[in-house]
């Protein structure tokens, strides 16, 4: 099952798990539709090697996804009933922090046969060096910044590009460094408006068209919370977004440089995964099949350097993997 936000590489995980599980272990697979909803409502379909053919480079997820809470609509008792009725030996849960926190609880507290695969384009999940989907999101953001730079230079403008990153700034950090941004703003390290204006003026004074990359969850030093101009999601969380639109007129007023904003939004989630994400996803899917066959409940496949290992899911969701100070200091040398 795939749960939570979609991300490039989900289909490659499905393909890796199914092909490896069937060919190596001789087991059968079923696809649970739309995450926990499918397990709660018994919306399950057989999944064969024929069903997963050609999925490595396909974006999204053929199983669908949702943000259904695993403890809703009967919760663990209902899941246990469906698992027993269907004759399921294990559930492979593919998702981010919320999905894996629920999966860990179901395995450790409820005794359900669940293993995990870490997925989030934000790369904010602890317990793994990288999550699949992140490399693709950073690559899409980088290409977008490169394209916006040419129009910025033609019109001598400043461009403010907003990327995803609710609590962490990994996408902004990597895309900003890769694209040669003059200012990078991330949630972990608040920056004052004056520092931002200084970076922009410095780039302008050197004859450059200033490029500002900002994570959606960035909070300037004189604000109390992130901008959420789009209201609330169904789960009650604020829909972050709009910080670029807020910063653009402030930059123009303070520096006199014509400034435009662009919000990349869901462009970063869609489309085909990069080669790196395809390989990582496939390897994690294969490892998840091994965990299921072993009966390693409460464990998830993980990347350690270049090796695929497994770690305890509960340990991986204790806290977010934030951008460390040394990476931020490294980035600052390149700004302005």
C-alpha atoms as a PDB file:
ATOM      1  CA  UNK A   1       0.000   0.000   0.000  1.00  0.00           C
ATOM      2  CA  UNK A   2       1.060   3.586  -0.660  1.00  0.00           C
ATOM      3  CA  UNK A   3      -0.154   6.263   1.737  1.00  0.00           C
ATOM      4  CA  UNK A   4       0.136  10.001   2.296  1.00  0.00           C
ATOM      5  CA  UNK A   5       1.423  12.402  -0.329  1.00  0.00           C
ATOM      6  CA  UNK A   6       2.462  10.953  -3.665  1.00  0.00           C
ATOM      7  CA  UNK A   7       6.046  11.097  -4.875  1.00  0.00           C
ATOM      8  CA  UNK A   8       8.219   9.957  -7.777  1.00  0.00           C
ATOM      9  CA  UNK A   9       9.400   6.380  -7.262  1.00  0.00           C
ATOM     10  CA  UNK A  10       6.325   4.848  -5.641  1.00  0.00           C
ATOM     11  CA  UNK A  11       5.634   2.652  -8.655  1.00  0.00           C
ATOM     12  CA  UNK A  12       9.259   1.523  -8.776  1.00  0.00           C
ATOM     13  CA  UNK A  13       8.946   0.371  -5.132  1.00  0.00           C
ATOM     14  CA  UNK A  14       5.840  -1.625  -6.012  1.00  0.00           C
ATOM     15  CA  UNK A  15       7.596  -3.181  -8.998  1.00  0.00           C
ATOM     16  CA  UNK A  16      10.759  -4.018  -7.018  1.00  0.00           C
ATOM     17  CA  UNK A  17       8.822  -5.653  -4.189  1.00  0.00           C
ATOM     18  CA  UNK A  18       6.528  -7.687  -6.443  1.00  0.00           C
ATOM     19  CA  UNK A  19       9.167  -8.941  -8.883  1.00  0.00           C
ATOM     20  CA  UNK A  20      11.674  -9.802  -6.161  1.00  0.00           C
ATOM     21  CA  UNK A  21       9.055 -11.354  -3.890  1.00  0.00           C
ATOM     22  CA  UNK A  22       7.611 -13.559  -6.613  1.00  0.00           C
ATOM     23  CA  UNK A  23      10.863 -14.534  -8.342  1.00  0.00           C
ATOM     24  CA  UNK A  24      13.052 -14.983  -5.273  1.00  0.00           C
ATOM     25  CA  UNK A  25      10.635 -16.048  -2.541  1.00  0.00           C
ATOM     26  CA  UNK A  26       7.729 -17.495  -4.532  1.00  0.00           C
ATOM     27  CA  UNK A  27       5.130 -15.443  -2.668  1.00  0.00           C
ATOM     28  CA  UNK A  28       1.959 -13.762  -3.914  1.00  0.00           C
ATOM     29  CA  UNK A  29       1.066 -10.073  -3.732  1.00  0.00           C
ATOM     30  CA  UNK A  30      -2.070  -7.986  -3.460  1.00  0.00           C
ATOM     31  CA  UNK A  31      -2.439  -4.242  -3.944  1.00  0.00           C
ATOM     32  CA  UNK A  32      -4.237  -2.274  -1.240  1.00  0.00           C
ATOM     33  CA  UNK A  33      -5.924   0.735  -2.833  1.00  0.00           C
ATOM     34  CA  UNK A  34      -5.611   4.267  -1.466  1.00  0.00           C
ATOM     35  CA  UNK A  35      -3.493   3.552   1.577  1.00  0.00           C
ATOM     36  CA  UNK A  36      -5.088   2.711   4.922  1.00  0.00           C
ATOM     37  CA  UNK A  37      -8.540   3.275   3.414  1.00  0.00           C
ATOM     38  CA  UNK A  38      -8.121   0.179   1.270  1.00  0.00           C
ATOM     39  CA  UNK A  39      -7.172  -1.964   4.247  1.00  0.00           C
ATOM     40  CA  UNK A  40     -10.050  -0.627   6.348  1.00  0.00           C
ATOM     41  CA  UNK A  41     -12.610  -1.051   3.566  1.00  0.00           C
ATOM     42  CA  UNK A  42     -11.209  -4.293   2.096  1.00  0.00           C
ATOM     43  CA  UNK A  43     -10.451  -2.629  -1.238  1.00  0.00           C
ATOM     44  CA  UNK A  44      -7.726  -5.044  -2.317  1.00  0.00           C
ATOM     45  CA  UNK A  45      -6.785  -6.519  -5.695  1.00  0.00           C
ATOM     46  CA  UNK A  46      -4.299  -9.207  -6.829  1.00  0.00           C
ATOM     47  CA  UNK A  47      -0.938  -7.859  -8.008  1.00  0.00           C
ATOM     48  CA  UNK A  48       1.198  -9.856 -10.433  1.00  0.00           C
ATOM     49  CA  UNK A  49       4.413  -9.284 -12.346  1.00  0.00           C
ATOM     50  CA  UNK A  50       2.211  -8.480 -15.356  1.00  0.00           C
ATOM     51  CA  UNK A  51       0.563  -5.664 -13.381  1.00  0.00           C
ATOM     52  CA  UNK A  52       3.911  -4.032 -12.509  1.00  0.00           C
ATOM     53  CA  UNK A  53       5.568  -4.201 -15.908  1.00  0.00           C
ATOM     54  CA  UNK A  54       7.148  -0.944 -17.085  1.00  0.00           C
ATOM     55  CA  UNK A  55       6.596   0.887 -13.804  1.00  0.00           C
ATOM     56  CA  UNK A  56      10.166   1.999 -13.041  1.00  0.00           C
ATOM     57  CA  UNK A  57       9.868   5.326 -14.793  1.00  0.00           C
ATOM     58  CA  UNK A  58       6.197   6.010 -14.185  1.00  0.00           C
ATOM     59  CA  UNK A  59       5.273   8.732 -11.710  1.00  0.00           C
ATOM     60  CA  UNK A  60       2.487   8.614  -9.142  1.00  0.00           C
ATOM     61  CA  UNK A  61       1.213   5.300  -7.818  1.00  0.00           C
ATOM     62  CA  UNK A  62      -0.934   2.683  -9.553  1.00  0.00           C
ATOM     63  CA  UNK A  63      -2.453   1.797  -6.164  1.00  0.00           C
ATOM     64  CA  UNK A  64      -3.618   5.318  -5.400  1.00  0.00           C
ATOM     65  CA  UNK A  65      -3.067   7.063  -2.085  1.00  0.00           C
ATOM     66  CA  UNK A  66      -4.953   8.921   0.623  1.00  0.00           C
ATOM     67  CA  UNK A  67      -4.412  10.494   4.028  1.00  0.00           C
ATOM     68  CA  UNK A  68      -6.890   8.184   5.785  1.00  0.00           C
ATOM     69  CA  UNK A  69      -5.873   7.703   9.425  1.00  0.00           C
ATOM     70  CA  UNK A  70      -5.148   4.048  10.321  1.00  0.00           C
ATOM     71  CA  UNK A  71      -7.116   4.344  13.561  1.00  0.00           C
ATOM     72  CA  UNK A  72     -10.314   5.541  11.891  1.00  0.00           C
ATOM     73  CA  UNK A  73     -13.321   3.471  10.807  1.00  0.00           C
ATOM     74  CA  UNK A  74     -12.633   0.476  13.021  1.00  0.00           C
ATOM     75  CA  UNK A  75      -8.882   0.931  13.150  1.00  0.00           C
ATOM     76  CA  UNK A  76      -6.630  -2.028  14.044  1.00  0.00           C
ATOM     77  CA  UNK A  77      -9.520  -4.392  14.816  1.00  0.00           C
ATOM     78  CA  UNK A  78     -10.997  -3.866  11.368  1.00  0.00           C
ATOM     79  CA  UNK A  79      -7.570  -4.249   9.759  1.00  0.00           C
ATOM     80  CA  UNK A  80      -6.977  -7.481  11.627  1.00  0.00           C
ATOM     81  CA  UNK A  81     -10.316  -8.772  10.364  1.00  0.00           C
ATOM     82  CA  UNK A  82      -9.477  -7.898   6.735  1.00  0.00           C
ATOM     83  CA  UNK A  83      -5.965  -9.342   7.020  1.00  0.00           C
ATOM     84  CA  UNK A  84      -7.347 -12.610   8.361  1.00  0.00           C
ATOM     85  CA  UNK A  85     -10.180 -12.840   5.842  1.00  0.00           C
ATOM     86  CA  UNK A  86      -7.872 -12.113   2.929  1.00  0.00           C
ATOM     87  CA  UNK A  87      -5.143 -14.435   4.202  1.00  0.00           C
ATOM     88  CA  UNK A  88      -2.512 -11.693   4.160  1.00  0.00           C
ATOM     89  CA  UNK A  89       0.808 -12.606   5.781  1.00  0.00           C
ATOM     90  CA  UNK A  90       2.266  -9.099   5.752  1.00  0.00           C
ATOM     91  CA  UNK A  91       1.519  -5.485   4.817  1.00  0.00           C
ATOM     92  CA  UNK A  92       4.205  -3.343   3.165  1.00  0.00           C
ATOM     93  CA  UNK A  93       3.409   0.294   3.998  1.00  0.00           C
ATOM     94  CA  UNK A  94       5.096   2.865   1.771  1.00  0.00           C
ATOM     95  CA  UNK A  95       4.913   6.429   3.049  1.00  0.00           C
ATOM     96  CA  UNK A  96       6.372   9.317   4.961  1.00  0.00           C
ATOM     97  CA  UNK A  97       6.515  10.279   8.608  1.00  0.00           C
ATOM     98  CA  UNK A  98       2.774  10.070   9.260  1.00  0.00           C
ATOM     99  CA  UNK A  99       2.323   6.776   7.437  1.00  0.00           C
ATOM    100  CA  UNK A 100       5.306   5.123   9.089  1.00  0.00           C
ATOM    101  CA  UNK A 101       4.401   6.448  12.544  1.00  0.00           C
ATOM    102  CA  UNK A 102       1.018   4.756  12.135  1.00  0.00           C
ATOM    103  CA  UNK A 103       2.648   1.615  10.732  1.00  0.00           C
ATOM    104  CA  UNK A 104       5.076   1.450  13.671  1.00  0.00           C
ATOM    105  CA  UNK A 105       2.229   1.774  16.145  1.00  0.00           C
ATOM    106  CA  UNK A 106       0.206  -0.927  14.393  1.00  0.00           C
ATOM    107  CA  UNK A 107       3.181  -3.296  14.450  1.00  0.00           C
ATOM    108  CA  UNK A 108       4.534  -2.571  17.925  1.00  0.00           C
ATOM    109  CA  UNK A 109       1.322  -1.909  19.880  1.00  0.00           C
ATOM    110  CA  UNK A 110      -1.292  -3.866  17.947  1.00  0.00           C
ATOM    111  CA  UNK A 111       0.814  -6.812  16.786  1.00  0.00           C
ATOM    112  CA  UNK A 112      -0.103  -6.400  13.115  1.00  0.00           C
ATOM    113  CA  UNK A 113       2.326  -7.756  10.480  1.00  0.00           C
ATOM    114  CA  UNK A 114       3.541  -4.457   9.004  1.00  0.00           C
ATOM    115  CA  UNK A 115       6.900  -3.432   7.490  1.00  0.00           C
ATOM    116  CA  UNK A 116       7.755  -0.084   5.940  1.00  0.00           C
ATOM    117  CA  UNK A 117       9.438   1.800   3.112  1.00  0.00           C
ATOM    118  CA  UNK A 118      10.372   5.487   3.671  1.00  0.00           C
ATOM    119  CA  UNK A 119       8.979   7.965   1.124  1.00  0.00           C
ATOM    120  CA  UNK A 120       8.949  11.761   1.208  1.00  0.00           C
ATOM    121  CA  UNK A 121      10.140  14.359  -1.271  1.00  0.00           C
ATOM    122  CA  UNK A 122      11.047  16.581   1.700  1.00  0.00           C
ATOM    123  CA  UNK A 123      13.785  14.132   2.807  1.00  0.00           C
ATOM    124  CA  UNK A 124      12.775  14.844   6.411  1.00  0.00           C
ATOM    125  CA  UNK A 125      12.473  11.264   7.635  1.00  0.00           C
ATOM    126  CA  UNK A 126      15.085  10.167  10.142  1.00  0.00           C
ATOM    127  CA  UNK A 127      16.613   6.700  10.054  1.00  0.00           C
ATOM    128  CA  UNK A 128      17.608   6.849   6.384  1.00  0.00           C
ATOM    129  CA  UNK A 129      20.234   8.918   4.601  1.00  0.00           C
ATOM    130  CA  UNK A 130      17.855   9.773   1.765  1.00  0.00           C
ATOM    131  CA  UNK A 131      14.228   9.107   0.949  1.00  0.00           C
ATOM    132  CA  UNK A 132      13.200   8.356  -2.609  1.00  0.00           C
ATOM    133  CA  UNK A 133      11.391  11.195  -4.355  1.00  0.00           C
ATOM    134  CA  UNK A 134      13.721  13.835  -2.934  1.00  0.00           C
ATOM    135  CA  UNK A 135      16.280  13.653  -5.731  1.00  0.00           C
ATOM    136  CA  UNK A 136      13.546  14.090  -8.341  1.00  0.00           C
ATOM    137  CA  UNK A 137      11.949  17.026  -6.512  1.00  0.00           C
ATOM    138  CA  UNK A 138      15.316  18.766  -6.142  1.00  0.00           C
ATOM    139  CA  UNK A 139      16.102  18.144  -9.828  1.00  0.00           C
ATOM    140  CA  UNK A 140      12.740  19.574 -10.947  1.00  0.00           C
ATOM    141  CA  UNK A 141      13.250  22.624  -8.729  1.00  0.00           C
ATOM    142  CA  UNK A 142      16.764  23.115 -10.088  1.00  0.00           C
ATOM    143  CA  UNK A 143      15.610  22.949 -13.705  1.00  0.00           C
ATOM    144  CA  UNK A 144      12.799  25.401 -12.946  1.00  0.00           C
ATOM    145  CA  UNK A 145      15.224  27.862 -11.361  1.00  0.00           C
ATOM    146  CA  UNK A 146      17.531  27.569 -14.377  1.00  0.00           C
ATOM    147  CA  UNK A 147      14.618  28.443 -16.672  1.00  0.00           C
ATOM    148  CA  UNK A 148      13.494  31.366 -14.518  1.00  0.00           C
ATOM    149  CA  UNK A 149      17.043  32.716 -14.418  1.00  0.00           C
ATOM    150  CA  UNK A 150      17.106  33.336 -18.178  1.00  0.00           C
ATOM    151  CA  UNK A 151      13.964  35.458 -18.094  1.00  0.00           C
ATOM    152  CA  UNK A 152      15.187  37.247 -14.958  1.00  0.00           C
ATOM    153  CA  UNK A 153      18.455  38.153 -16.683  1.00  0.00           C
ATOM    154  CA  UNK A 154      16.654  39.333 -19.812  1.00  0.00           C
ATOM    155  CA  UNK A 155      14.503  41.783 -17.816  1.00  0.00           C
ATOM    156  CA  UNK A 156      17.052  42.580 -15.053  1.00  0.00           C
ATOM    157  CA  UNK A 157      14.577  41.285 -12.493  1.00  0.00           C
ATOM    158  CA  UNK A 158      14.775  39.484  -9.173  1.00  0.00           C
ATOM    159  CA  UNK A 159      13.000  36.119  -9.088  1.00  0.00           C
ATOM    160  CA  UNK A 160      11.634  34.540  -5.892  1.00  0.00           C
ATOM    161  CA  UNK A 161      11.010  30.800  -6.288  1.00  0.00           C
ATOM    162  CA  UNK A 162       8.995  28.945  -3.638  1.00  0.00           C
ATOM    163  CA  UNK A 163       9.652  25.225  -3.240  1.00  0.00           C
ATOM    164  CA  UNK A 164       8.118  22.593  -0.972  1.00  0.00           C
ATOM    165  CA  UNK A 165       9.407  22.075   2.562  1.00  0.00           C
ATOM    166  CA  UNK A 166       6.933  22.396   5.434  1.00  0.00           C
ATOM    167  CA  UNK A 167       9.365  21.861   8.305  1.00  0.00           C
ATOM    168  CA  UNK A 168      12.731  21.292   6.621  1.00  0.00           C
ATOM    169  CA  UNK A 169      14.665  22.973   3.831  1.00  0.00           C
ATOM    170  CA  UNK A 170      16.414  20.131   2.031  1.00  0.00           C
ATOM    171  CA  UNK A 171      14.834  20.851  -1.371  1.00  0.00           C
ATOM    172  CA  UNK A 172      15.565  24.582  -1.107  1.00  0.00           C
ATOM    173  CA  UNK A 173      19.115  23.890   0.064  1.00  0.00           C
ATOM    174  CA  UNK A 174      19.983  21.432  -2.715  1.00  0.00           C
ATOM    175  CA  UNK A 175      18.157  23.244  -5.519  1.00  0.00           C
ATOM    176  CA  UNK A 176      19.515  26.588  -4.381  1.00  0.00           C
ATOM    177  CA  UNK A 177      23.080  25.317  -4.327  1.00  0.00           C
ATOM    178  CA  UNK A 178      22.726  23.466  -7.623  1.00  0.00           C
ATOM    179  CA  UNK A 179      21.190  26.459  -9.422  1.00  0.00           C
ATOM    180  CA  UNK A 180      23.502  29.069  -7.914  1.00  0.00           C
ATOM    181  CA  UNK A 181      20.838  31.004  -5.999  1.00  0.00           C
ATOM    182  CA  UNK A 182      21.842  34.290  -4.362  1.00  0.00           C
ATOM    183  CA  UNK A 183      19.557  33.805  -1.351  1.00  0.00           C
ATOM    184  CA  UNK A 184      18.224  30.584   0.170  1.00  0.00           C
ATOM    185  CA  UNK A 185      15.630  30.648   2.948  1.00  0.00           C
ATOM    186  CA  UNK A 186      14.777  27.513   4.950  1.00  0.00           C
ATOM    187  CA  UNK A 187      12.634  26.754   8.030  1.00  0.00           C
ATOM    188  CA  UNK A 188      15.534  25.599  10.214  1.00  0.00           C
ATOM    189  CA  UNK A 189      17.353  28.938  10.236  1.00  0.00           C
ATOM    190  CA  UNK A 190      15.263  32.151  10.303  1.00  0.00           C
ATOM    191  CA  UNK A 191      16.730  35.096   8.409  1.00  0.00           C
ATOM    192  CA  UNK A 192      15.825  38.772   8.755  1.00  0.00           C
ATOM    193  CA  UNK A 193      14.384  40.804   5.906  1.00  0.00           C
ATOM    194  CA  UNK A 194      17.461  43.031   6.032  1.00  0.00           C
ATOM    195  CA  UNK A 195      19.780  40.059   5.499  1.00  0.00           C
ATOM    196  CA  UNK A 196      17.654  38.977   2.543  1.00  0.00           C
ATOM    197  CA  UNK A 197      17.755  42.484   1.060  1.00  0.00           C
ATOM    198  CA  UNK A 198      21.542  42.574   1.554  1.00  0.00           C
ATOM    199  CA  UNK A 199      21.962  39.326  -0.398  1.00  0.00           C
ATOM    200  CA  UNK A 200      19.745  40.643  -3.201  1.00  0.00           C
ATOM    201  CA  UNK A 201      21.568  43.992  -3.422  1.00  0.00           C
ATOM    202  CA  UNK A 202      24.933  42.228  -3.460  1.00  0.00           C
ATOM    203  CA  UNK A 203      23.898  40.138  -6.470  1.00  0.00           C
ATOM    204  CA  UNK A 204      22.470  43.206  -8.241  1.00  0.00           C
ATOM    205  CA  UNK A 205      25.622  45.232  -7.600  1.00  0.00           C
ATOM    206  CA  UNK A 206      27.659  42.501  -9.307  1.00  0.00           C
ATOM    207  CA  UNK A 207      25.481  42.749 -12.384  1.00  0.00           C
ATOM    208  CA  UNK A 208      23.420  39.638 -11.643  1.00  0.00           C
ATOM    209  CA  UNK A 209      19.679  39.062 -11.727  1.00  0.00           C
ATOM    210  CA  UNK A 210      19.056  38.033  -8.096  1.00  0.00           C
ATOM    211  CA  UNK A 211      17.597  34.558  -7.536  1.00  0.00           C
ATOM    212  CA  UNK A 212      15.882  33.838  -4.200  1.00  0.00           C
ATOM    213  CA  UNK A 213      14.841  30.272  -3.301  1.00  0.00           C
ATOM    214  CA  UNK A 214      12.500  29.920  -0.332  1.00  0.00           C
ATOM    215  CA  UNK A 215      10.969  26.841   1.304  1.00  0.00           C
ATOM    216  CA  UNK A 216       7.215  27.107   1.885  1.00  0.00           C
ATOM    217  CA  UNK A 217       7.724  26.700   5.647  1.00  0.00           C
ATOM    218  CA  UNK A 218      10.284  29.513   6.015  1.00  0.00           C
ATOM    219  CA  UNK A 219       9.491  31.961   8.824  1.00  0.00           C
ATOM    220  CA  UNK A 220      11.314  35.336   8.795  1.00  0.00           C
ATOM    221  CA  UNK A 221      12.715  36.505  12.125  1.00  0.00           C
ATOM    222  CA  UNK A 222       9.901  39.005  12.727  1.00  0.00           C
ATOM    223  CA  UNK A 223       7.043  36.563  12.021  1.00  0.00           C
ATOM    224  CA  UNK A 224       5.547  34.023  14.405  1.00  0.00           C
ATOM    225  CA  UNK A 225       4.392  31.390  11.919  1.00  0.00           C
ATOM    226  CA  UNK A 226       4.694  30.283   8.314  1.00  0.00           C
ATOM    227  CA  UNK A 227       2.482  31.814   5.632  1.00  0.00           C
ATOM    228  CA  UNK A 228      -0.620  29.710   4.944  1.00  0.00           C
ATOM    229  CA  UNK A 229      -2.604  31.659   2.380  1.00  0.00           C
ATOM    230  CA  UNK A 230      -4.575  28.590   1.241  1.00  0.00           C
ATOM    231  CA  UNK A 231      -6.513  27.831   4.432  1.00  0.00           C
ATOM    232  CA  UNK A 232      -6.582  24.410   6.076  1.00  0.00           C
ATOM    233  CA  UNK A 233      -6.360  20.880   4.738  1.00  0.00           C
ATOM    234  CA  UNK A 234      -8.942  18.230   5.657  1.00  0.00           C
ATOM    235  CA  UNK A 235      -6.730  17.010   8.491  1.00  0.00           C
ATOM    236  CA  UNK A 236      -6.736  20.483  10.043  1.00  0.00           C
ATOM    237  CA  UNK A 237      -3.150  21.331   9.156  1.00  0.00           C
ATOM    238  CA  UNK A 238      -2.584  24.753   7.532  1.00  0.00           C
ATOM    239  CA  UNK A 239      -1.919  24.582   3.800  1.00  0.00           C
ATOM    240  CA  UNK A 240       1.403  26.328   3.607  1.00  0.00           C
ATOM    241  CA  UNK A 241       2.242  28.459   0.611  1.00  0.00           C
ATOM    242  CA  UNK A 242       2.454  32.102  -0.351  1.00  0.00           C
ATOM    243  CA  UNK A 243       5.723  33.162   1.255  1.00  0.00           C
ATOM    244  CA  UNK A 244       7.212  33.930  -2.193  1.00  0.00           C
ATOM    245  CA  UNK A 245       4.259  36.174  -3.049  1.00  0.00           C
ATOM    246  CA  UNK A 246       4.720  37.968   0.263  1.00  0.00           C
ATOM    247  CA  UNK A 247       8.472  38.464  -0.136  1.00  0.00           C
ATOM    248  CA  UNK A 248       8.467  39.711  -3.747  1.00  0.00           C
ATOM    249  CA  UNK A 249       6.868  43.158  -3.131  1.00  0.00           C
ATOM    250  CA  UNK A 250       8.994  43.656  -0.003  1.00  0.00           C
ATOM    251  CA  UNK A 251      12.174  43.003  -1.987  1.00  0.00           C
ATOM    252  CA  UNK A 252      11.067  45.352  -4.770  1.00  0.00           C
ATOM    253  CA  UNK A 253      10.221  48.141  -2.313  1.00  0.00           C
ATOM    254  CA  UNK A 254      13.469  47.781  -0.357  1.00  0.00           C
ATOM    255  CA  UNK A 255      15.862  47.378  -3.294  1.00  0.00           C
ATOM    256  CA  UNK A 256      14.127  49.054  -6.206  1.00  0.00           C
ATOM    257  CA  UNK A 257      14.577  45.898  -8.313  1.00  0.00           C
ATOM    258  CA  UNK A 258      11.540  44.695 -10.233  1.00  0.00           C
ATOM    259  CA  UNK A 259      10.663  41.379  -8.578  1.00  0.00           C
ATOM    260  CA  UNK A 260       8.462  38.447  -9.550  1.00  0.00           C
ATOM    261  CA  UNK A 261       7.432  35.337  -7.599  1.00  0.00           C
ATOM    262  CA  UNK A 262       6.833  31.768  -8.750  1.00  0.00           C
ATOM    263  CA  UNK A 263       5.380  28.946  -6.639  1.00  0.00           C
ATOM    264  CA  UNK A 264       6.459  25.547  -7.997  1.00  0.00           C
ATOM    265  CA  UNK A 265       3.975  23.630  -5.855  1.00  0.00           C
ATOM    266  CA  UNK A 266       2.948  20.162  -6.979  1.00  0.00           C
ATOM    267  CA  UNK A 267       5.154  20.276 -10.064  1.00  0.00           C
ATOM    268  CA  UNK A 268       7.856  18.956  -7.729  1.00  0.00           C
ATOM    269  CA  UNK A 269       5.849  15.823  -6.897  1.00  0.00           C
ATOM    270  CA  UNK A 270       4.808  14.741 -10.356  1.00  0.00           C
ATOM    271  CA  UNK A 271       6.325  13.163 -13.423  1.00  0.00           C
ATOM    272  CA  UNK A 272       8.972  10.531 -13.930  1.00  0.00           C
ATOM    273  CA  UNK A 273      11.561   9.883 -11.201  1.00  0.00           C
ATOM    274  CA  UNK A 274      15.249  10.467 -11.828  1.00  0.00           C
ATOM    275  CA  UNK A 275      17.544   7.509 -12.458  1.00  0.00           C
ATOM    276  CA  UNK A 276      18.804   7.800  -8.861  1.00  0.00           C
ATOM    277  CA  UNK A 277      15.272   7.615  -7.449  1.00  0.00           C
ATOM    278  CA  UNK A 278      14.346   4.714  -9.724  1.00  0.00           C
ATOM    279  CA  UNK A 279      17.298   2.679  -8.465  1.00  0.00           C
ATOM    280  CA  UNK A 280      16.787   3.626  -4.814  1.00  0.00           C
ATOM    281  CA  UNK A 281      13.054   2.890  -4.978  1.00  0.00           C
ATOM    282  CA  UNK A 282      13.602  -0.483  -6.606  1.00  0.00           C
ATOM    283  CA  UNK A 283      16.206  -1.504  -4.030  1.00  0.00           C
ATOM    284  CA  UNK A 284      14.002  -0.382  -1.122  1.00  0.00           C
ATOM    285  CA  UNK A 285      11.043  -2.316  -2.546  1.00  0.00           C
ATOM    286  CA  UNK A 286      13.142  -5.465  -2.869  1.00  0.00           C
ATOM    287  CA  UNK A 287      14.392  -5.050   0.704  1.00  0.00           C
ATOM    288  CA  UNK A 288      10.825  -4.585   1.950  1.00  0.00           C
ATOM    289  CA  UNK A 289       9.831  -7.906   0.370  1.00  0.00           C
ATOM    290  CA  UNK A 290      12.716  -9.545   2.256  1.00  0.00           C
ATOM    291  CA  UNK A 291      11.539  -7.970   5.527  1.00  0.00           C
ATOM    292  CA  UNK A 292       8.007  -9.253   4.957  1.00  0.00           C
ATOM    293  CA  UNK A 293       9.222 -12.791   4.250  1.00  0.00           C
ATOM    294  CA  UNK A 294      11.406 -12.656   7.377  1.00  0.00           C
ATOM    295  CA  UNK A 295       8.495 -11.455   9.489  1.00  0.00           C
ATOM    296  CA  UNK A 296      10.487  -8.413  10.636  1.00  0.00           C
ATOM    297  CA  UNK A 297       7.413  -6.508  11.833  1.00  0.00           C
ATOM    298  CA  UNK A 298       7.973  -2.899  12.800  1.00  0.00           C
ATOM    299  CA  UNK A 299      11.101  -2.606  10.649  1.00  0.00           C
ATOM    300  CA  UNK A 300      11.626  -0.490   7.536  1.00  0.00           C
ATOM    301  CA  UNK A 301      14.053  -0.607   4.647  1.00  0.00           C
ATOM    302  CA  UNK A 302      16.615   2.185   4.832  1.00  0.00           C
ATOM    303  CA  UNK A 303      19.585   3.701   2.998  1.00  0.00           C
ATOM    304  CA  UNK A 304      22.893   3.796   4.897  1.00  0.00           C
ATOM    305  CA  UNK A 305      25.527   5.313   2.619  1.00  0.00           C
ATOM    306  CA  UNK A 306      25.078   3.156  -0.462  1.00  0.00           C
ATOM    307  CA  UNK A 307      23.851   0.088   1.438  1.00  0.00           C
ATOM    308  CA  UNK A 308      20.232  -0.917   1.962  1.00  0.00           C
ATOM    309  CA  UNK A 309      19.698  -1.901   5.593  1.00  0.00           C
ATOM    310  CA  UNK A 310      16.702  -2.094   7.898  1.00  0.00           C
ATOM    311  CA  UNK A 311      15.912  -0.061  10.997  1.00  0.00           C
ATOM    312  CA  UNK A 312      13.133   0.093  13.559  1.00  0.00           C
ATOM    313  CA  UNK A 313      10.271   2.232  12.219  1.00  0.00           C
ATOM    314  CA  UNK A 314       9.475   3.708  15.627  1.00  0.00           C
ATOM    315  CA  UNK A 315      13.030   5.043  15.931  1.00  0.00           C
ATOM    316  CA  UNK A 316      12.850   6.644  12.475  1.00  0.00           C
ATOM    317  CA  UNK A 317       9.784   8.764  13.306  1.00  0.00           C
ATOM    318  CA  UNK A 318      10.852  10.145  16.697  1.00  0.00           C
ATOM    319  CA  UNK A 319      11.991  13.410  15.121  1.00  0.00           C
ATOM    320  CA  UNK A 320      12.453  15.091  11.765  1.00  0.00           C
ATOM    321  CA  UNK A 321      15.756  15.049   9.906  1.00  0.00           C
ATOM    322  CA  UNK A 322      16.481  18.757   9.679  1.00  0.00           C
ATOM    323  CA  UNK A 323      19.210  20.580   7.782  1.00  0.00           C
ATOM    324  CA  UNK A 324      22.184  20.679  10.188  1.00  0.00           C
ATOM    325  CA  UNK A 325      24.085  23.847  11.047  1.00  0.00           C
ATOM    326  CA  UNK A 326      27.209  22.858   9.115  1.00  0.00           C
ATOM    327  CA  UNK A 327      25.226  22.478   5.876  1.00  0.00           C
ATOM    328  CA  UNK A 328      23.619  25.887   6.426  1.00  0.00           C
ATOM    329  CA  UNK A 329      26.984  27.513   7.102  1.00  0.00           C
ATOM    330  CA  UNK A 330      28.352  25.868   3.953  1.00  0.00           C
ATOM    331  CA  UNK A 331      25.450  27.356   1.961  1.00  0.00           C
ATOM    332  CA  UNK A 332      25.855  30.870   3.351  1.00  0.00           C
ATOM    333  CA  UNK A 333      29.361  31.190   1.890  1.00  0.00           C
ATOM    334  CA  UNK A 334      27.771  31.042  -1.586  1.00  0.00           C
ATOM    335  CA  UNK A 335      24.975  33.576  -1.001  1.00  0.00           C
ATOM    336  CA  UNK A 336      24.804  37.217  -2.044  1.00  0.00           C
END
